[in-house]
C-alpha atoms as a PDB file:
ATOM      1  CA  UNK A   1       2.945 -25.546  67.814  1.00  0.00           C
ATOM      2  CA  UNK A   2       0.411 -26.012  64.998  1.00  0.00           C
ATOM      3  CA  UNK A   3       0.330 -29.122  62.854  1.00  0.00           C
ATOM      4  CA  UNK A   4       1.029 -29.109  59.134  1.00  0.00           C
ATOM      5  CA  UNK A   5      -2.656 -29.594  58.296  1.00  0.00           C
ATOM      6  CA  UNK A   6      -3.650 -26.656  60.499  1.00  0.00           C
ATOM      7  CA  UNK A   7      -1.033 -24.419  58.862  1.00  0.00           C
ATOM      8  CA  UNK A   8      -2.155 -25.473  55.363  1.00  0.00           C
ATOM      9  CA  UNK A   9      -5.770 -24.761  56.268  1.00  0.00           C
ATOM     10  CA  UNK A  10      -4.808 -21.301  57.548  1.00  0.00           C
ATOM     11  CA  UNK A  11      -2.820 -20.681  54.374  1.00  0.00           C
ATOM     12  CA  UNK A  12      -5.795 -21.669  52.197  1.00  0.00           C
ATOM     13  CA  UNK A  13      -8.126 -19.430  54.216  1.00  0.00           C
ATOM     14  CA  UNK A  14      -5.675 -16.523  54.000  1.00  0.00           C
ATOM     15  CA  UNK A  15      -5.254 -16.964  50.222  1.00  0.00           C
ATOM     16  CA  UNK A  16      -9.045 -17.012  49.807  1.00  0.00           C
ATOM     17  CA  UNK A  17      -9.364 -13.808  51.867  1.00  0.00           C
ATOM     18  CA  UNK A  18      -6.590 -12.144  49.817  1.00  0.00           C
ATOM     19  CA  UNK A  19      -8.293 -13.132  46.549  1.00  0.00           C
ATOM     20  CA  UNK A  20     -11.648 -11.788  47.742  1.00  0.00           C
ATOM     21  CA  UNK A  21     -10.123  -8.487  48.913  1.00  0.00           C
ATOM     22  CA  UNK A  22      -8.227  -8.122  45.633  1.00  0.00           C
ATOM     23  CA  UNK A  23     -11.468  -8.677  43.699  1.00  0.00           C
ATOM     24  CA  UNK A  24     -13.231  -6.014  45.772  1.00  0.00           C
ATOM     25  CA  UNK A  25     -10.368  -3.519  45.387  1.00  0.00           C
ATOM     26  CA  UNK A  26     -10.215  -4.138  41.616  1.00  0.00           C
ATOM     27  CA  UNK A  27     -13.948  -3.489  41.256  1.00  0.00           C
ATOM     28  CA  UNK A  28     -13.610  -0.227  43.221  1.00  0.00           C
ATOM     29  CA  UNK A  29     -10.622   0.871  41.111  1.00  0.00           C
ATOM     30  CA  UNK A  30     -12.524   0.129  37.884  1.00  0.00           C
ATOM     31  CA  UNK A  31     -15.503   2.185  39.085  1.00  0.00           C
ATOM     32  CA  UNK A  32     -13.125   5.057  39.859  1.00  0.00           C
ATOM     33  CA  UNK A  33     -11.488   4.809  36.416  1.00  0.00           C
ATOM     34  CA  UNK A  34     -14.893   4.831  34.706  1.00  0.00           C
ATOM     35  CA  UNK A  35     -15.938   7.864  36.740  1.00  0.00           C
ATOM     36  CA  UNK A  36     -12.766   9.772  35.815  1.00  0.00           C
ATOM     37  CA  UNK A  37     -13.137   8.895  32.135  1.00  0.00           C
ATOM     38  CA  UNK A  38     -16.752  10.057  32.155  1.00  0.00           C
ATOM     39  CA  UNK A  39     -15.910  13.229  34.096  1.00  0.00           C
ATOM     40  CA  UNK A  40     -13.097  14.361  31.813  1.00  0.00           C
ATOM     41  CA  UNK A  41     -14.304  12.804  28.540  1.00  0.00           C
ATOM     42  CA  UNK A  42     -11.119  10.872  27.856  1.00  0.00           C
ATOM     43  CA  UNK A  43     -10.879   8.829  24.659  1.00  0.00           C
ATOM     44  CA  UNK A  44      -9.477   5.306  24.452  1.00  0.00           C
ATOM     45  CA  UNK A  45      -6.396   6.691  22.667  1.00  0.00           C
ATOM     46  CA  UNK A  46      -5.762   9.069  25.577  1.00  0.00           C
ATOM     47  CA  UNK A  47      -6.179   6.381  28.210  1.00  0.00           C
ATOM     48  CA  UNK A  48      -4.324   3.636  26.321  1.00  0.00           C
ATOM     49  CA  UNK A  49      -2.044   5.339  23.781  1.00  0.00           C
ATOM     50  CA  UNK A  50      -0.883   3.042  21.034  1.00  0.00           C
ATOM     51  CA  UNK A  51       0.923   3.306  17.766  1.00  0.00           C
ATOM     52  CA  UNK A  52       0.035   0.935  14.968  1.00  0.00           C
ATOM     53  CA  UNK A  53       2.762  -1.545  14.174  1.00  0.00           C
ATOM     54  CA  UNK A  54       4.718  -0.588  11.118  1.00  0.00           C
ATOM     55  CA  UNK A  55       4.719  -3.236   8.432  1.00  0.00           C
ATOM     56  CA  UNK A  56       8.172  -4.303   7.324  1.00  0.00           C
ATOM     57  CA  UNK A  57       8.509  -4.023   3.579  1.00  0.00           C
ATOM     58  CA  UNK A  58      11.239  -6.248   2.170  1.00  0.00           C
ATOM     59  CA  UNK A  59      13.767  -4.731  -0.188  1.00  0.00           C
ATOM     60  CA  UNK A  60      12.990  -5.278  -3.842  1.00  0.00           C
ATOM     61  CA  UNK A  61      16.052  -3.733  -5.516  1.00  0.00           C
ATOM     62  CA  UNK A  62      19.784  -4.010  -4.792  1.00  0.00           C
ATOM     63  CA  UNK A  63      22.673  -1.877  -6.002  1.00  0.00           C
ATOM     64  CA  UNK A  64      25.464  -4.406  -6.661  1.00  0.00           C
ATOM     65  CA  UNK A  65      28.148  -1.723  -6.394  1.00  0.00           C
ATOM     66  CA  UNK A  66      27.299  -0.265  -2.994  1.00  0.00           C
ATOM     67  CA  UNK A  67      25.041  -2.960  -1.522  1.00  0.00           C
ATOM     68  CA  UNK A  68      22.295  -0.362  -0.970  1.00  0.00           C
ATOM     69  CA  UNK A  69      18.729  -1.596  -1.208  1.00  0.00           C
ATOM     70  CA  UNK A  70      15.393  -0.012  -2.035  1.00  0.00           C
ATOM     71  CA  UNK A  71      11.862  -1.273  -1.425  1.00  0.00           C
ATOM     72  CA  UNK A  72      10.439   0.275  -4.570  1.00  0.00           C
ATOM     73  CA  UNK A  73       8.399   2.744  -2.549  1.00  0.00           C
ATOM     74  CA  UNK A  74       8.920   6.475  -2.486  1.00  0.00           C
ATOM     75  CA  UNK A  75      11.423   8.473  -4.481  1.00  0.00           C
ATOM     76  CA  UNK A  76      13.960   6.207  -6.203  1.00  0.00           C
ATOM     77  CA  UNK A  77      17.573   6.588  -5.060  1.00  0.00           C
ATOM     78  CA  UNK A  78      20.148   8.041  -7.452  1.00  0.00           C
ATOM     79  CA  UNK A  79      21.691   4.640  -8.235  1.00  0.00           C
ATOM     80  CA  UNK A  80      18.441   3.370  -9.801  1.00  0.00           C
ATOM     81  CA  UNK A  81      16.741   6.566 -10.989  1.00  0.00           C
ATOM     82  CA  UNK A  82      16.218   6.578 -14.764  1.00  0.00           C
ATOM     83  CA  UNK A  83      17.617   3.041 -15.233  1.00  0.00           C
ATOM     84  CA  UNK A  84      16.011  -0.274 -16.080  1.00  0.00           C
ATOM     85  CA  UNK A  85      14.937  -1.649 -12.708  1.00  0.00           C
ATOM     86  CA  UNK A  86      14.829  -5.267 -13.893  1.00  0.00           C
ATOM     87  CA  UNK A  87      18.616  -5.550 -13.605  1.00  0.00           C
ATOM     88  CA  UNK A  88      18.472  -4.486  -9.935  1.00  0.00           C
ATOM     89  CA  UNK A  89      15.712  -6.896  -8.830  1.00  0.00           C
ATOM     90  CA  UNK A  90      16.465  -9.016  -5.779  1.00  0.00           C
ATOM     91  CA  UNK A  91      15.513 -12.659  -6.144  1.00  0.00           C
ATOM     92  CA  UNK A  92      12.300 -13.074  -4.139  1.00  0.00           C
ATOM     93  CA  UNK A  93      11.775 -16.353  -2.265  1.00  0.00           C
ATOM     94  CA  UNK A  94       9.329 -18.663  -3.987  1.00  0.00           C
ATOM     95  CA  UNK A  95       5.937 -18.934  -2.365  1.00  0.00           C
ATOM     96  CA  UNK A  96       5.023 -22.119  -0.566  1.00  0.00           C
ATOM     97  CA  UNK A  97       3.253 -24.510  -2.914  1.00  0.00           C
ATOM     98  CA  UNK A  98      -0.271 -25.335  -1.915  1.00  0.00           C
ATOM     99  CA  UNK A  99      -1.007 -28.850  -0.826  1.00  0.00           C
ATOM    100  CA  UNK A 100      -2.757 -31.032  -3.346  1.00  0.00           C
ATOM    101  CA  UNK A 101      -4.603 -32.921  -0.629  1.00  0.00           C
ATOM    102  CA  UNK A 102      -8.390 -32.912  -0.216  1.00  0.00           C
ATOM    103  CA  UNK A 103     -10.195 -30.015   1.378  1.00  0.00           C
ATOM    104  CA  UNK A 104     -11.561 -30.436   4.895  1.00  0.00           C
ATOM    105  CA  UNK A 105     -15.125 -30.864   3.632  1.00  0.00           C
ATOM    106  CA  UNK A 106     -14.009 -33.660   1.336  1.00  0.00           C
ATOM    107  CA  UNK A 107     -12.078 -35.282   4.167  1.00  0.00           C
ATOM    108  CA  UNK A 108     -15.127 -35.079   6.439  1.00  0.00           C
ATOM    109  CA  UNK A 109     -17.340 -36.594   3.742  1.00  0.00           C
ATOM    110  CA  UNK A 110     -14.879 -39.435   3.229  1.00  0.00           C
ATOM    111  CA  UNK A 111     -14.734 -40.061   6.982  1.00  0.00           C
ATOM    112  CA  UNK A 112     -18.534 -40.081   7.182  1.00  0.00           C
ATOM    113  CA  UNK A 113     -18.694 -42.624   4.367  1.00  0.00           C
ATOM    114  CA  UNK A 114     -16.015 -44.726   6.023  1.00  0.00           C
ATOM    115  CA  UNK A 115     -13.552 -44.225   3.163  1.00  0.00           C
ATOM    116  CA  UNK A 116     -10.038 -42.943   3.446  1.00  0.00           C
ATOM    117  CA  UNK A 117      -7.255 -42.380   0.972  1.00  0.00           C
END
């Protein structure tokens, strides 16, 4: 029966051999992919199809009667068409106030001069 140290050494050697073989197989597969792309003239979109993420547009108007909302884009729905849109505005969250603290350059200058607030 093998000792624990011998088994651990065999395990380490086996893991190193697996990693090396995987690296070799990956390089071969990549060469094959490049050859196929060159042979058939595939584009990146054909090989890796993607769809751009759609931006979520928050609702800007609300119909108080039905609860329906509208972003303000496209054709206006019947409940708001031809009416004053101000009365249908949804309260938008206030933007985060900017910090009044010093800029990074000012902070660096103060640190270099040995001053701090």
